[in-house]
PDB file of N, CA and C in Angstrom:
ATOM      1  N   MET A   1      92.303 154.281 -63.383  1.00  0.00           N
ATOM      2  CA  MET A   1      92.289 155.701 -62.708  1.00  0.00           C
ATOM      3  C   MET A   1      93.595 155.937 -62.037  1.00  0.00           C
ATOM      4  N   LYS A   2      94.100 155.190 -61.545  1.00  0.00           N
ATOM      5  CA  LYS A   2      95.718 155.406 -61.038  1.00  0.00           C
ATOM      6  C   LYS A   2      96.710 155.700 -61.995  1.00  0.00           C
ATOM      7  N   ILE A   3      96.476 155.225 -63.347  1.00  0.00           N
ATOM      8  CA  ILE A   3      97.290 155.425 -64.283  1.00  0.00           C
ATOM      9  C   ILE A   3      97.427 157.068 -64.605  1.00  0.00           C
ATOM     10  N   PHE A   4      95.732 157.359 -64.985  1.00  0.00           N
ATOM     11  CA  PHE A   4      95.723 158.651 -65.231  1.00  0.00           C
ATOM     12  C   PHE A   4      95.881 159.758 -63.937  1.00  0.00           C
ATOM     13  N   ASN A   5      95.990 159.683 -63.124  1.00  0.00           N
ATOM     14  CA  ASN A   5      96.654 160.255 -61.966  1.00  0.00           C
ATOM     15  C   ASN A   5      98.088 160.524 -61.895  1.00  0.00           C
ATOM     16  N   LEU A   6      98.675 159.477 -62.266  1.00  0.00           N
ATOM     17  CA  LEU A   6      99.985 159.285 -62.433  1.00  0.00           C
ATOM     18  C   LEU A   6     100.357 160.291 -63.580  1.00  0.00           C
ATOM     19  N   VAL A   7      99.756 160.052 -64.568  1.00  0.00           N
ATOM     20  CA  VAL A   7      99.960 160.862 -65.928  1.00  0.00           C
ATOM     21  C   VAL A   7      99.761 162.154 -65.882  1.00  0.00           C
ATOM     22  N   LEU A   8      98.723 162.461 -65.231  1.00  0.00           N
ATOM     23  CA  LEU A   8      98.420 163.898 -64.715  1.00  0.00           C
ATOM     24  C   LEU A   8      99.405 164.736 -63.554  1.00  0.00           C
ATOM     25  N   ALA A   9      99.734 163.821 -62.888  1.00  0.00           N
ATOM     26  CA  ALA A   9     100.851 164.307 -61.865  1.00  0.00           C
ATOM     27  C   ALA A   9     102.047 164.936 -62.702  1.00  0.00           C
ATOM     28  N   VAL A  10     102.513 163.799 -63.607  1.00  0.00           N
ATOM     29  CA  VAL A  10     103.601 163.931 -64.445  1.00  0.00           C
ATOM     30  C   VAL A  10     104.031 165.504 -65.319  1.00  0.00           C
ATOM     31  N   ALA A  11     102.619 165.199 -65.903  1.00  0.00           N
ATOM     32  CA  ALA A  11     102.386 166.447 -66.685  1.00  0.00           C
ATOM     33  C   ALA A  11     102.392 168.123 -66.015  1.00  0.00           C
ATOM     34  N   GLY A  12     101.691 167.625 -64.744  1.00  0.00           N
ATOM     35  CA  GLY A  12     101.896 169.133 -64.158  1.00  0.00           C
ATOM     36  C   GLY A  12     103.605 169.338 -63.698  1.00  0.00           C
ATOM     37  N   THR A  13     104.082 168.484 -63.202  1.00  0.00           N
ATOM     38  CA  THR A  13     105.690 168.465 -62.918  1.00  0.00           C
ATOM     39  C   THR A  13     106.273 169.252 -63.960  1.00  0.00           C
ATOM     40  N   LEU A  14     105.938 168.757 -65.449  1.00  0.00           N
ATOM     41  CA  LEU A  14     106.813 169.030 -66.353  1.00  0.00           C
ATOM     42  C   LEU A  14     106.553 170.332 -66.780  1.00  0.00           C
ATOM     43  N   ALA A  15     105.333 170.959 -66.900  1.00  0.00           N
ATOM     44  CA  ALA A  15     104.770 172.301 -66.908  1.00  0.00           C
ATOM     45  C   ALA A  15     105.496 173.342 -65.779  1.00  0.00           C
ATOM     46  N   ALA A  16     105.691 172.793 -64.841  1.00  0.00           N
ATOM     47  CA  ALA A  16     106.159 173.651 -63.501  1.00  0.00           C
ATOM     48  C   ALA A  16     107.518 174.012 -64.068  1.00  0.00           C
ATOM     49  N   ALA A  17     108.336 173.244 -64.821  1.00  0.00           N
ATOM     50  CA  ALA A  17     109.782 173.086 -64.893  1.00  0.00           C
ATOM     51  C   ALA A  17     109.832 173.834 -66.081  1.00  0.00           C
ATOM     52  N   LEU A  18     109.160 174.115 -66.955  1.00  0.00           N
ATOM     53  CA  LEU A  18     109.326 174.983 -67.890  1.00  0.00           C
ATOM     54  C   LEU A  18     109.629 176.413 -67.536  1.00  0.00           C
ATOM     55  N   PRO A  19     110.777 177.039 -68.420  1.00  0.00           N
ATOM     56  CA  PRO A  19     110.986 178.594 -68.022  1.00  0.00           C
ATOM     57  C   PRO A  19     110.470 179.375 -68.429  1.00  0.00           C
ATOM     58  N   ASN A  20     109.859 180.435 -67.935  1.00  0.00           N
ATOM     59  CA  ASN A  20     109.325 181.693 -68.695  1.00  0.00           C
ATOM     60  C   ASN A  20     109.705 182.681 -68.577  1.00  0.00           C
ATOM     61  N   PRO A  21     109.761 183.478 -69.572  1.00  0.00           N
ATOM     62  CA  PRO A  21     110.658 184.741 -69.917  1.00  0.00           C
ATOM     63  C   PRO A  21     109.803 185.969 -68.899  1.00  0.00           C
ATOM     64  N   GLN A  22     110.459 187.113 -68.819  1.00  0.00           N
ATOM     65  CA  GLN A  22     109.817 188.203 -67.879  1.00  0.00           C
ATOM     66  C   GLN A  22     108.470 188.582 -68.225  1.00  0.00           C
ATOM     67  N   GLY A  23     107.822 188.600 -67.461  1.00  0.00           N
ATOM     68  CA  GLY A  23     106.352 189.178 -67.808  1.00  0.00           C
ATOM     69  C   GLY A  23     105.398 187.743 -67.296  1.00  0.00           C
ATOM     70  N   ARG A  24     106.082 186.776 -66.960  1.00  0.00           N
ATOM     71  CA  ARG A  24     105.623 185.333 -66.880  1.00  0.00           C
ATOM     72  C   ARG A  24     105.132 185.645 -65.107  1.00  0.00           C
ATOM     73  N   THR A  25     103.648 184.739 -65.065  1.00  0.00           N
ATOM     74  CA  THR A  25     103.572 184.839 -63.671  1.00  0.00           C
ATOM     75  C   THR A  25     104.293 183.555 -62.865  1.00  0.00           C
ATOM     76  N   PRO A  26     104.766 184.317 -61.558  1.00  0.00           N
ATOM     77  CA  PRO A  26     105.942 183.622 -60.643  1.00  0.00           C
ATOM     78  C   PRO A  26     105.155 182.660 -60.105  1.00  0.00           C
ATOM     79  N   PRO A  27     106.084 181.448 -60.153  1.00  0.00           N
ATOM     80  CA  PRO A  27     105.768 180.276 -59.636  1.00  0.00           C
ATOM     81  C   PRO A  27     105.029 180.604 -57.805  1.00  0.00           C
ATOM     82  N   ASN A  28     104.222 179.931 -57.348  1.00  0.00           N
ATOM     83  CA  ASN A  28     103.990 180.060 -55.708  1.00  0.00           C
ATOM     84  C   ASN A  28     104.167 178.991 -55.377  1.00  0.00           C
ATOM     85  N   ASP A  29     105.297 178.433 -55.150  1.00  0.00           N
ATOM     86  CA  ASP A  29     105.527 177.103 -54.712  1.00  0.00           C
ATOM     87  C   ASP A  29     106.722 177.344 -53.441  1.00  0.00           C
ATOM     88  N   GLY A  30     107.115 178.261 -53.228  1.00  0.00           N
ATOM     89  CA  GLY A  30     108.185 178.544 -52.312  1.00  0.00           C
ATOM     90  C   GLY A  30     109.520 178.460 -52.937  1.00  0.00           C
ATOM     91  N   ARG A  31     109.774 178.308 -54.114  1.00  0.00           N
ATOM     92  CA  ARG A  31     110.960 178.392 -54.810  1.00  0.00           C
ATOM     93  C   ARG A  31     111.576 179.723 -54.452  1.00  0.00           C
ATOM     94  N   GLY A  32     112.864 180.050 -54.362  1.00  0.00           N
ATOM     95  CA  GLY A  32     113.668 181.336 -54.426  1.00  0.00           C
ATOM     96  C   GLY A  32     114.339 181.276 -55.744  1.00  0.00           C
ATOM     97  N   ALA A  33     114.545 180.264 -56.295  1.00  0.00           N
ATOM     98  CA  ALA A  33     115.471 180.389 -57.372  1.00  0.00           C
ATOM     99  C   ALA A  33     115.229 179.006 -58.573  1.00  0.00           C
ATOM    100  N   THR A  34     115.189 179.321 -59.828  1.00  0.00           N
ATOM    101  CA  THR A  34     115.207 178.199 -60.677  1.00  0.00           C
ATOM    102  C   THR A  34     116.514 178.051 -61.163  1.00  0.00           C
ATOM    103  N   VAL A  35     117.188 177.055 -61.337  1.00  0.00           N
ATOM    104  CA  VAL A  35     118.537 176.495 -61.903  1.00  0.00           C
ATOM    105  C   VAL A  35     118.405 175.648 -63.174  1.00  0.00           C
ATOM    106  N   PHE A  36     118.900 176.100 -64.259  1.00  0.00           N
ATOM    107  CA  PHE A  36     119.206 175.488 -65.653  1.00  0.00           C
ATOM    108  C   PHE A  36     120.330 174.788 -65.932  1.00  0.00           C
ATOM    109  N   LYS A  37     120.231 173.568 -66.321  1.00  0.00           N
ATOM    110  CA  LYS A  37     121.756 172.745 -66.993  1.00  0.00           C
ATOM    111  C   LYS A  37     122.330 173.535 -68.334  1.00  0.00           C
ATOM    112  N   GLU A  38     121.601 174.806 -69.060  1.00  0.00           N
ATOM    113  CA  GLU A  38     122.261 174.939 -70.063  1.00  0.00           C
ATOM    114  C   GLU A  38     121.945 176.665 -69.693  1.00  0.00           C
ATOM    115  N   GLN A  39     122.495 177.374 -70.900  1.00  0.00           N
ATOM    116  CA  GLN A  39     122.741 178.743 -70.593  1.00  0.00           C
ATOM    117  C   GLN A  39     121.561 179.346 -71.008  1.00  0.00           C
ATOM    118  N   ASN A  40     120.802 180.334 -70.750  1.00  0.00           N
ATOM    119  CA  ASN A  40     119.880 181.416 -71.375  1.00  0.00           C
ATOM    120  C   ASN A  40     118.667 180.556 -71.233  1.00  0.00           C
ATOM    121  N   LEU A  41     118.676 180.183 -69.896  1.00  0.00           N
ATOM    122  CA  LEU A  41     117.351 179.193 -68.989  1.00  0.00           C
ATOM    123  C   LEU A  41     116.757 178.232 -69.826  1.00  0.00           C
ATOM    124  N   LYS A  42     117.682 177.367 -70.618  1.00  0.00           N
ATOM    125  CA  LYS A  42     117.145 176.371 -71.654  1.00  0.00           C
ATOM    126  C   LYS A  42     117.802 174.862 -70.676  1.00  0.00           C
ATOM    127  N   GLY A  43     117.221 173.838 -71.042  1.00  0.00           N
ATOM    128  CA  GLY A  43     117.462 172.607 -70.364  1.00  0.00           C
ATOM    129  C   GLY A  43     116.515 172.098 -69.411  1.00  0.00           C
ATOM    130  N   GLU A  44     117.290 171.191 -68.703  1.00  0.00           N
ATOM    131  CA  GLU A  44     116.444 170.657 -67.514  1.00  0.00           C
ATOM    132  C   GLU A  44     116.846 171.841 -66.415  1.00  0.00           C
ATOM    133  N   SER A  45     115.614 172.029 -65.291  1.00  0.00           N
ATOM    134  CA  SER A  45     115.782 172.953 -64.462  1.00  0.00           C
ATOM    135  C   SER A  45     115.366 172.187 -63.220  1.00  0.00           C
ATOM    136  N   THR A  46     115.659 172.806 -62.121  1.00  0.00           N
ATOM    137  CA  THR A  46     115.231 172.367 -60.782  1.00  0.00           C
ATOM    138  C   THR A  46     115.002 173.744 -60.220  1.00  0.00           C
ATOM    139  N   SER A  47     114.178 173.730 -59.024  1.00  0.00           N
ATOM    140  CA  SER A  47     113.808 174.637 -57.983  1.00  0.00           C
ATOM    141  C   SER A  47     114.888 174.558 -56.949  1.00  0.00           C
ATOM    142  N   ILE A  48     115.353 175.801 -56.036  1.00  0.00           N
ATOM    143  CA  ILE A  48     115.744 175.957 -55.029  1.00  0.00           C
ATOM    144  C   ILE A  48     114.727 176.176 -54.059  1.00  0.00           C
ATOM    145  N   PRO A  49     114.422 175.878 -53.043  1.00  0.00           N
ATOM    146  CA  PRO A  49     113.659 176.548 -52.044  1.00  0.00           C
ATOM    147  C   PRO A  49     114.148 177.596 -51.142  1.00  0.00           C
ATOM    148  N   SER A  50     113.250 178.625 -50.572  1.00  0.00           N
ATOM    149  CA  SER A  50     113.519 179.651 -50.435  1.00  0.00           C
ATOM    150  C   SER A  50     113.290 179.504 -48.667  1.00  0.00           C
ATOM    151  N   ASN A  51     114.150 178.607 -47.826  1.00  0.00           N
ATOM    152  CA  ASN A  51     113.692 178.241 -46.752  1.00  0.00           C
ATOM    153  C   ASN A  51     114.655 178.523 -45.676  1.00  0.00           C
ATOM    154  N   LEU A  52     115.893 179.332 -46.061  1.00  0.00           N
ATOM    155  CA  LEU A  52     116.935 179.877 -45.257  1.00  0.00           C
ATOM    156  C   LEU A  52     117.476 178.576 -44.804  1.00  0.00           C
ATOM    157  N   TRP A  53     117.823 177.442 -45.462  1.00  0.00           N
ATOM    158  CA  TRP A  53     118.868 176.394 -45.173  1.00  0.00           C
ATOM    159  C   TRP A  53     119.446 176.210 -46.510  1.00  0.00           C
ATOM    160  N   CYS A  54     120.785 175.500 -46.044  1.00  0.00           N
ATOM    161  CA  CYS A  54     121.659 175.527 -47.408  1.00  0.00           C
ATOM    162  C   CYS A  54     120.877 174.337 -48.404  1.00  0.00           C
ATOM    163  N   THR A  55     121.100 174.287 -49.507  1.00  0.00           N
ATOM    164  CA  THR A  55     120.530 173.473 -50.389  1.00  0.00           C
ATOM    165  C   THR A  55     122.046 172.711 -51.458  1.00  0.00           C
ATOM    166  N   ASP A  56     122.394 171.676 -51.094  1.00  0.00           N
ATOM    167  CA  ASP A  56     123.502 170.945 -51.651  1.00  0.00           C
ATOM    168  C   ASP A  56     123.203 170.426 -52.912  1.00  0.00           C
ATOM    169  N   LEU A  57     123.456 170.885 -54.071  1.00  0.00           N
ATOM    170  CA  LEU A  57     123.217 170.379 -55.227  1.00  0.00           C
ATOM    171  C   LEU A  57     123.274 169.211 -55.335  1.00  0.00           C
ATOM    172  N   ASN A  58     124.322 168.235 -55.022  1.00  0.00           N
ATOM    173  CA  ASN A  58     124.402 166.942 -54.942  1.00  0.00           C
ATOM    174  C   ASN A  58     123.543 165.835 -54.392  1.00  0.00           C
ATOM    175  N   ASN A  59     122.383 166.749 -53.756  1.00  0.00           N
ATOM    176  CA  ASN A  59     121.583 166.062 -53.007  1.00  0.00           C
ATOM    177  C   ASN A  59     120.360 166.322 -53.751  1.00  0.00           C
ATOM    178  N   ILE A  60     120.070 166.673 -54.568  1.00  0.00           N
ATOM    179  CA  ILE A  60     119.108 167.224 -55.720  1.00  0.00           C
ATOM    180  C   ILE A  60     119.097 166.160 -56.684  1.00  0.00           C
ATOM    181  N   PHE A  61     117.944 165.545 -56.885  1.00  0.00           N
ATOM    182  CA  PHE A  61     117.365 164.590 -58.318  1.00  0.00           C
ATOM    183  C   PHE A  61     117.916 165.100 -59.378  1.00  0.00           C
ATOM    184  N   GLY A  62     118.395 164.623 -60.393  1.00  0.00           N
ATOM    185  CA  GLY A  62     119.082 165.271 -61.645  1.00  0.00           C
ATOM    186  C   GLY A  62     119.866 165.791 -62.036  1.00  0.00           C
ATOM    187  N   GLY A  63     120.870 165.472 -61.126  1.00  0.00           N
ATOM    188  CA  GLY A  63     122.739 165.594 -61.345  1.00  0.00           C
ATOM    189  C   GLY A  63     122.715 167.342 -61.419  1.00  0.00           C
ATOM    190  N   PHE A  64     122.361 167.997 -60.773  1.00  0.00           N
ATOM    191  CA  PHE A  64     122.595 169.405 -61.192  1.00  0.00           C
ATOM    192  C   PHE A  64     123.881 169.974 -60.184  1.00  0.00           C
ATOM    193  N   ASP A  65     124.865 169.201 -59.748  1.00  0.00           N
ATOM    194  CA  ASP A  65     125.880 169.486 -58.704  1.00  0.00           C
ATOM    195  C   ASP A  65     126.810 169.581 -59.757  1.00  0.00           C
ATOM    196  N   TYR A  66     127.338 170.752 -59.916  1.00  0.00           N
ATOM    197  CA  TYR A  66     128.285 171.193 -61.181  1.00  0.00           C
ATOM    198  C   TYR A  66     128.387 171.405 -62.535  1.00  0.00           C
ATOM    199  N   ARG A  67     126.566 171.409 -62.578  1.00  0.00           N
ATOM    200  CA  ARG A  67     126.218 171.822 -64.219  1.00  0.00           C
ATOM    201  C   ARG A  67     125.150 172.941 -64.392  1.00  0.00           C
ATOM    202  N   VAL A  68     125.236 173.809 -63.245  1.00  0.00           N
ATOM    203  CA  VAL A  68     124.423 174.934 -63.457  1.00  0.00           C
ATOM    204  C   VAL A  68     124.999 175.814 -64.266  1.00  0.00           C
ATOM    205  N   ARG A  69     124.235 176.642 -65.359  1.00  0.00           N
ATOM    206  CA  ARG A  69     124.686 177.445 -66.465  1.00  0.00           C
ATOM    207  C   ARG A  69     124.206 178.502 -66.703  1.00  0.00           C
ATOM    208  N   SER A  70     122.588 178.476 -66.017  1.00  0.00           N
ATOM    209  CA  SER A  70     121.966 180.022 -65.601  1.00  0.00           C
ATOM    210  C   SER A  70     120.853 179.748 -64.915  1.00  0.00           C
ATOM    211  N   MET A  71     120.403 180.821 -64.337  1.00  0.00           N
ATOM    212  CA  MET A  71     119.291 180.812 -63.231  1.00  0.00           C
ATOM    213  C   MET A  71     118.559 181.982 -63.258  1.00  0.00           C
ATOM    214  N   ILE A  72     117.048 181.815 -62.423  1.00  0.00           N
ATOM    215  CA  ILE A  72     116.204 182.850 -62.109  1.00  0.00           C
ATOM    216  C   ILE A  72     116.124 183.179 -60.711  1.00  0.00           C
ATOM    217  N   VAL A  73     116.030 183.898 -60.145  1.00  0.00           N
ATOM    218  CA  VAL A  73     116.031 184.250 -58.921  1.00  0.00           C
ATOM    219  C   VAL A  73     114.676 185.040 -58.797  1.00  0.00           C
ATOM    220  N   GLU A  74     113.618 184.384 -57.871  1.00  0.00           N
ATOM    221  CA  GLU A  74     112.247 185.048 -58.023  1.00  0.00           C
ATOM    222  C   GLU A  74     112.395 185.953 -57.320  1.00  0.00           C
ATOM    223  N   LYS A  75     111.157 187.139 -57.695  1.00  0.00           N
ATOM    224  CA  LYS A  75     110.908 188.112 -56.985  1.00  0.00           C
ATOM    225  C   LYS A  75     110.678 187.992 -55.483  1.00  0.00           C
ATOM    226  N   GLY A  76     111.328 189.002 -54.983  1.00  0.00           N
ATOM    227  CA  GLY A  76     110.997 188.921 -53.313  1.00  0.00           C
ATOM    228  C   GLY A  76     111.918 187.822 -52.415  1.00  0.00           C
ATOM    229  N   TYR A  77     112.978 187.623 -53.373  1.00  0.00           N
ATOM    230  CA  TYR A  77     114.324 186.642 -52.459  1.00  0.00           C
ATOM    231  C   TYR A  77     115.643 186.631 -53.268  1.00  0.00           C
ATOM    232  N   ARG A  78     116.433 186.331 -52.337  1.00  0.00           N
ATOM    233  CA  ARG A  78     117.819 186.680 -52.849  1.00  0.00           C
ATOM    234  C   ARG A  78     118.363 185.287 -52.625  1.00  0.00           C
ATOM    235  N   CYS A  79     119.365 185.192 -53.068  1.00  0.00           N
ATOM    236  CA  CYS A  79     120.023 184.150 -53.380  1.00  0.00           C
ATOM    237  C   CYS A  79     121.741 183.934 -53.241  1.00  0.00           C
ATOM    238  N   ARG A  80     122.265 182.794 -52.783  1.00  0.00           N
ATOM    239  CA  ARG A  80     123.829 183.111 -52.829  1.00  0.00           C
ATOM    240  C   ARG A  80     124.394 181.693 -53.227  1.00  0.00           C
ATOM    241  N   PHE A  81     125.075 181.634 -54.440  1.00  0.00           N
ATOM    242  CA  PHE A  81     125.526 180.715 -55.064  1.00  0.00           C
ATOM    243  C   PHE A  81     126.829 180.406 -54.815  1.00  0.00           C
ATOM    244  N   TYR A  82     127.139 179.156 -54.052  1.00  0.00           N
ATOM    245  CA  TYR A  82     128.478 178.962 -53.790  1.00  0.00           C
ATOM    246  C   TYR A  82     129.526 177.574 -54.579  1.00  0.00           C
ATOM    247  N   THR A  83     130.463 177.690 -54.667  1.00  0.00           N
ATOM    248  CA  THR A  83     131.293 176.978 -55.374  1.00  0.00           C
ATOM    249  C   THR A  83     131.990 175.826 -54.305  1.00  0.00           C
ATOM    250  N   LEU A  84     131.815 175.995 -53.412  1.00  0.00           N
ATOM    251  CA  LEU A  84     131.703 174.746 -52.167  1.00  0.00           C
ATOM    252  C   LEU A  84     130.514 174.197 -51.704  1.00  0.00           C
ATOM    253  N   TRP A  85     130.608 173.083 -51.116  1.00  0.00           N
ATOM    254  CA  TRP A  85     129.227 172.462 -50.618  1.00  0.00           C
ATOM    255  C   TRP A  85     129.008 172.934 -49.133  1.00  0.00           C
ATOM    256  N   GLY A  86     127.970 172.997 -48.689  1.00  0.00           N
ATOM    257  CA  GLY A  86     127.279 173.691 -47.164  1.00  0.00           C
ATOM    258  C   GLY A  86     127.534 175.041 -47.022  1.00  0.00           C
ATOM    259  N   CYS A  87     127.367 175.576 -47.980  1.00  0.00           N
ATOM    260  CA  CYS A  87     127.365 177.120 -47.943  1.00  0.00           C
ATOM    261  C   CYS A  87     128.190 177.858 -47.130  1.00  0.00           C
ATOM    262  N   PRO A  88     129.457 177.541 -46.728  1.00  0.00           N
ATOM    263  CA  PRO A  88     130.527 178.106 -45.983  1.00  0.00           C
ATOM    264  C   PRO A  88     130.181 179.617 -45.817  1.00  0.00           C
ATOM    265  N   ALA A  89     130.167 180.227 -44.620  1.00  0.00           N
ATOM    266  CA  ALA A  89     130.165 181.871 -44.547  1.00  0.00           C
ATOM    267  C   ALA A  89     131.163 182.100 -44.959  1.00  0.00           C
ATOM    268  N   ASP A  90     132.373 181.706 -44.985  1.00  0.00           N
ATOM    269  CA  ASP A  90     133.380 182.559 -45.287  1.00  0.00           C
ATOM    270  C   ASP A  90     134.086 182.528 -46.727  1.00  0.00           C
ATOM    271  N   ALA A  91     133.381 181.518 -47.737  1.00  0.00           N
ATOM    272  CA  ALA A  91     133.649 181.336 -48.767  1.00  0.00           C
ATOM    273  C   ALA A  91     132.871 182.347 -49.669  1.00  0.00           C
ATOM    274  N   GLU A  92     133.506 182.506 -50.917  1.00  0.00           N
ATOM    275  CA  GLU A  92     133.060 183.462 -51.843  1.00  0.00           C
ATOM    276  C   GLU A  92     131.969 182.823 -52.830  1.00  0.00           C
ATOM    277  N   ASN A  93     130.881 183.643 -52.788  1.00  0.00           N
ATOM    278  CA  ASN A  93     129.700 183.466 -53.266  1.00  0.00           C
ATOM    279  C   ASN A  93     129.002 184.625 -54.423  1.00  0.00           C
ATOM    280  N   TYR A  94     128.210 184.190 -55.205  1.00  0.00           N
ATOM    281  CA  TYR A  94     127.387 184.879 -56.090  1.00  0.00           C
ATOM    282  C   TYR A  94     126.065 185.162 -55.544  1.00  0.00           C
ATOM    283  N   GLU A  95     125.898 186.360 -55.331  1.00  0.00           N
ATOM    284  CA  GLU A  95     124.445 186.755 -54.125  1.00  0.00           C
ATOM    285  C   GLU A  95     123.916 187.788 -55.217  1.00  0.00           C
ATOM    286  N   PHE A  96     122.330 187.471 -55.332  1.00  0.00           N
ATOM    287  CA  PHE A  96     121.542 188.555 -56.069  1.00  0.00           C
ATOM    288  C   PHE A  96     120.143 188.371 -55.822  1.00  0.00           C
ATOM    289  N   GLY A  97     119.167 189.049 -56.315  1.00  0.00           N
ATOM    290  CA  GLY A  97     117.713 189.078 -56.002  1.00  0.00           C
ATOM    291  C   GLY A  97     117.422 190.395 -55.717  1.00  0.00           C
ATOM    292  N   SER A  98     115.819 190.704 -55.901  1.00  0.00           N
ATOM    293  CA  SER A  98     115.276 192.038 -55.790  1.00  0.00           C
ATOM    294  C   SER A  98     113.750 191.543 -55.286  1.00  0.00           C
ATOM    295  N   LYS A  99     113.525 192.622 -54.526  1.00  0.00           N
ATOM    296  CA  LYS A  99     112.013 192.813 -53.837  1.00  0.00           C
ATOM    297  C   LYS A  99     110.880 192.892 -55.229  1.00  0.00           C
ATOM    298  N   GLU A 100     111.704 193.516 -56.111  1.00  0.00           N
ATOM    299  CA  GLU A 100     110.712 194.555 -56.979  1.00  0.00           C
ATOM    300  C   GLU A 100     110.672 193.265 -57.939  1.00  0.00           C
ATOM    301  N   GLN A 101     111.295 192.442 -58.807  1.00  0.00           N
ATOM    302  CA  GLN A 101     111.390 191.811 -59.839  1.00  0.00           C
ATOM    303  C   GLN A 101     112.256 190.462 -59.560  1.00  0.00           C
ATOM    304  N   ALA A 102     111.658 189.279 -60.472  1.00  0.00           N
ATOM    305  CA  ALA A 102     112.452 188.512 -60.614  1.00  0.00           C
ATOM    306  C   ALA A 102     113.527 188.608 -61.514  1.00  0.00           C
ATOM    307  N   LEU A 103     114.640 188.133 -61.404  1.00  0.00           N
ATOM    308  CA  LEU A 103     116.483 188.352 -62.208  1.00  0.00           C
ATOM    309  C   LEU A 103     116.578 187.126 -62.423  1.00  0.00           C
ATOM    310  N   ALA A 104     117.276 187.344 -63.786  1.00  0.00           N
ATOM    311  CA  ALA A 104     117.527 186.023 -64.712  1.00  0.00           C
ATOM    312  C   ALA A 104     119.056 186.373 -65.171  1.00  0.00           C
ATOM    313  N   VAL A 105     119.846 185.489 -64.807  1.00  0.00           N
ATOM    314  CA  VAL A 105     121.082 185.365 -65.590  1.00  0.00           C
ATOM    315  C   VAL A 105     121.390 184.226 -66.418  1.00  0.00           C
ATOM    316  N   GLY A 106     121.355 184.753 -67.502  1.00  0.00           N
ATOM    317  CA  GLY A 106     121.457 183.890 -68.911  1.00  0.00           C
ATOM    318  C   GLY A 106     122.794 183.282 -69.002  1.00  0.00           C
ATOM    319  N   GLU A 107     123.734 183.740 -68.691  1.00  0.00           N
ATOM    320  CA  GLU A 107     125.498 183.230 -68.708  1.00  0.00           C
ATOM    321  C   GLU A 107     125.990 183.632 -67.360  1.00  0.00           C
ATOM    322  N   LEU A 108     126.129 182.532 -66.728  1.00  0.00           N
ATOM    323  CA  LEU A 108     126.764 182.409 -65.466  1.00  0.00           C
ATOM    324  C   LEU A 108     128.577 183.487 -65.993  1.00  0.00           C
ATOM    325  N   PRO A 109     128.797 184.118 -65.023  1.00  0.00           N
ATOM    326  CA  PRO A 109     130.560 184.375 -64.968  1.00  0.00           C
ATOM    327  C   PRO A 109     131.372 182.940 -64.947  1.00  0.00           C
ATOM    328  N   ALA A 110     132.408 183.296 -65.928  1.00  0.00           N
ATOM    329  CA  ALA A 110     133.279 182.049 -66.342  1.00  0.00           C
ATOM    330  C   ALA A 110     134.065 181.249 -64.774  1.00  0.00           C
ATOM    331  N   TRP A 111     133.892 182.020 -63.338  1.00  0.00           N
ATOM    332  CA  TRP A 111     134.309 181.622 -62.373  1.00  0.00           C
ATOM    333  C   TRP A 111     132.916 180.806 -61.594  1.00  0.00           C
ATOM    334  N   LEU A 112     131.863 180.721 -62.055  1.00  0.00           N
ATOM    335  CA  LEU A 112     130.630 180.182 -61.651  1.00  0.00           C
ATOM    336  C   LEU A 112     130.129 179.424 -62.462  1.00  0.00           C
ATOM    337  N   ASP A 113     130.230 179.639 -63.928  1.00  0.00           N
ATOM    338  CA  ASP A 113     129.631 178.620 -64.521  1.00  0.00           C
ATOM    339  C   ASP A 113     130.063 177.179 -64.633  1.00  0.00           C
ATOM    340  N   ARG A 114     129.399 176.011 -64.323  1.00  0.00           N
ATOM    341  CA  ARG A 114     129.224 174.630 -63.923  1.00  0.00           C
ATOM    342  C   ARG A 114     130.514 174.474 -62.750  1.00  0.00           C
ATOM    343  N   LYS A 115     130.126 175.627 -61.927  1.00  0.00           N
ATOM    344  CA  LYS A 115     131.063 174.995 -60.499  1.00  0.00           C
ATOM    345  C   LYS A 115     130.309 175.270 -59.347  1.00  0.00           C
ATOM    346  N   ILE A 116     128.905 175.406 -59.372  1.00  0.00           N
ATOM    347  CA  ILE A 116     128.039 175.750 -58.275  1.00  0.00           C
ATOM    348  C   ILE A 116     127.660 174.462 -57.576  1.00  0.00           C
ATOM    349  N   HIS A 117     127.971 174.188 -56.662  1.00  0.00           N
ATOM    350  CA  HIS A 117     128.079 173.052 -55.366  1.00  0.00           C
ATOM    351  C   HIS A 117     126.883 173.354 -54.296  1.00  0.00           C
ATOM    352  N   SER A 118     126.490 174.578 -54.043  1.00  0.00           N
ATOM    353  CA  SER A 118     125.309 174.916 -53.325  1.00  0.00           C
ATOM    354  C   SER A 118     124.622 176.184 -53.169  1.00  0.00           C
ATOM    355  N   VAL A 119     123.571 176.478 -52.763  1.00  0.00           N
ATOM    356  CA  VAL A 119     122.736 177.613 -52.744  1.00  0.00           C
ATOM    357  C   VAL A 119     122.157 178.018 -51.193  1.00  0.00           C
ATOM    358  N   TRP A 120     121.997 178.990 -51.200  1.00  0.00           N
ATOM    359  CA  TRP A 120     121.027 179.606 -49.977  1.00  0.00           C
ATOM    360  C   TRP A 120     119.861 180.132 -50.530  1.00  0.00           C
ATOM    361  N   CYS A 121     118.741 180.161 -50.200  1.00  0.00           N
ATOM    362  CA  CYS A 121     117.434 181.531 -50.776  1.00  0.00           C
ATOM    363  C   CYS A 121     117.116 181.895 -48.994  1.00  0.00           C
ATOM    364  N   GLY A 122     116.544 183.423 -49.191  1.00  0.00           N
ATOM    365  CA  GLY A 122     116.018 183.506 -48.251  1.00  0.00           C
ATOM    366  C   GLY A 122     114.754 185.024 -48.765  1.00  0.00           C
ATOM    367  N   GLU A 123     114.490 185.765 -47.908  1.00  0.00           N
ATOM    368  CA  GLU A 123     113.755 186.784 -48.621  1.00  0.00           C
ATOM    369  C   GLU A 123     114.694 187.660 -48.858  1.00  0.00           C
ATOM    370  N   ALA A 124     114.546 188.828 -49.660  1.00  0.00           N
ATOM    371  CA  ALA A 124     115.153 189.856 -50.072  1.00  0.00           C
ATOM    372  C   ALA A 124     115.013 191.104 -49.195  1.00  0.00           C
TER     373      ALA A 124
END
């Protein structure tokens, strides 16, 4: 029985991590954004919480620090993506989000591609 529960938990986690195109059912798990290691919302992904706290990507399991290439910001949220750790208030950042719809960026600008170290997300 324990093995079945473990397999079920792993399968549920993998299904939640798969990207969905526009028109998808948005996740209702508190995430503000999903970041991907490949362009066009492909490859390994992880969620960024919308808890008004800075998330340093070097603290996330899976090696996402300095490897983000595309992202989705969920409907109702806005996120700031920083090239420095700690989401410094005076640092250059890439901010976007919308109350009306989820926004996807399939190819990040060159100054941000594979250079994101921290992310802050909150309500739009």
